[in-house]
Structures are given as structure tokens and as C-alpha cells.
Amino acid sequence: MYTIEMAYARMRELQDLANRSRAHQSPTAARKAGKKPRAAKKR
């Protein structure tokens, strides 16, 4: 059974991972990445 709590925990894991990978970039790189259109990002 997949609960809301499990989904929330997974969402937090992904968020932490995203924040960690963003922190490794230089401020200028992060700023440049922010200007790219979201559609260009493939998952």
C-alpha cells in the first residue's frame, strides 16, 4: 500500500537531492540555468 506519508517522504528526498545538486554549482552557473526555458529540461 502506498500512503501519503510515503509519497511525502519521497518528495522530500527528491527536494533535498535537487537542493544539494544546486548548491554544488557556482552562483553564475545557477543564474544561467535559471534563465533556460523549463521545456528544455528533460527527465
Protein backbone atom coordinates (compact mmCIF):
# COMPACT_ATOMS: atom_id res chain seq x y z
CA MET A 1 0.00 0.00 0.00
CA TYR A 2 1.33 3.44 -0.98
CA THR A 3 0.45 6.08 1.60
CA ILE A 4 0.50 9.87 1.61
CA GLU A 5 3.33 9.69 4.15
CA MET A 6 5.42 7.56 1.77
CA ALA A 7 4.75 9.94 -1.10
CA TYR A 8 5.67 12.93 1.07
CA ALA A 9 8.91 11.27 2.25
CA ARG A 10 9.87 10.56 -1.38
CA MET A 11 9.09 14.14 -2.37
CA ARG A 12 11.34 15.41 0.45
CA GLU A 13 14.18 13.09 -0.70
CA LEU A 14 13.95 14.44 -4.25
CA GLN A 15 13.80 18.01 -2.98
CA ASP A 16 16.91 17.52 -0.82
CA LEU A 17 18.73 15.95 -3.77
CA ALA A 18 17.77 18.87 -6.01
CA ASN A 19 18.92 21.39 -3.40
CA ARG A 20 22.22 19.55 -2.93
CA SER A 21 22.97 19.44 -6.67
CA ARG A 22 22.06 23.14 -6.98
CA ALA A 23 24.41 24.03 -4.10
CA HIS A 24 27.36 22.44 -5.93
CA GLN A 25 27.00 24.87 -8.84
CA SER A 26 28.60 28.30 -8.83
CA PRO A 27 26.21 31.26 -8.38
CA THR A 28 26.70 32.31 -12.02
CA ALA A 29 26.00 28.78 -13.28
CA ALA A 30 22.84 28.60 -11.17
CA ARG A 31 21.74 32.00 -12.53
CA LYS A 32 22.34 30.92 -16.14
CA ALA A 33 20.47 27.66 -15.58
CA GLY A 34 17.52 29.62 -14.19
CA LYS A 35 17.16 31.57 -17.45
CA LYS A 36 16.72 28.43 -19.60
CA PRO A 37 13.13 27.59 -20.59
CA ARG A 38 11.69 24.80 -18.48
CA ALA A 39 10.67 22.83 -21.57
CA ALA A 40 14.35 22.29 -22.43
CA LYS A 41 14.86 20.24 -19.25
CA LYS A 42 14.49 16.52 -19.97
CA ARG A 43 13.88 13.92 -17.26
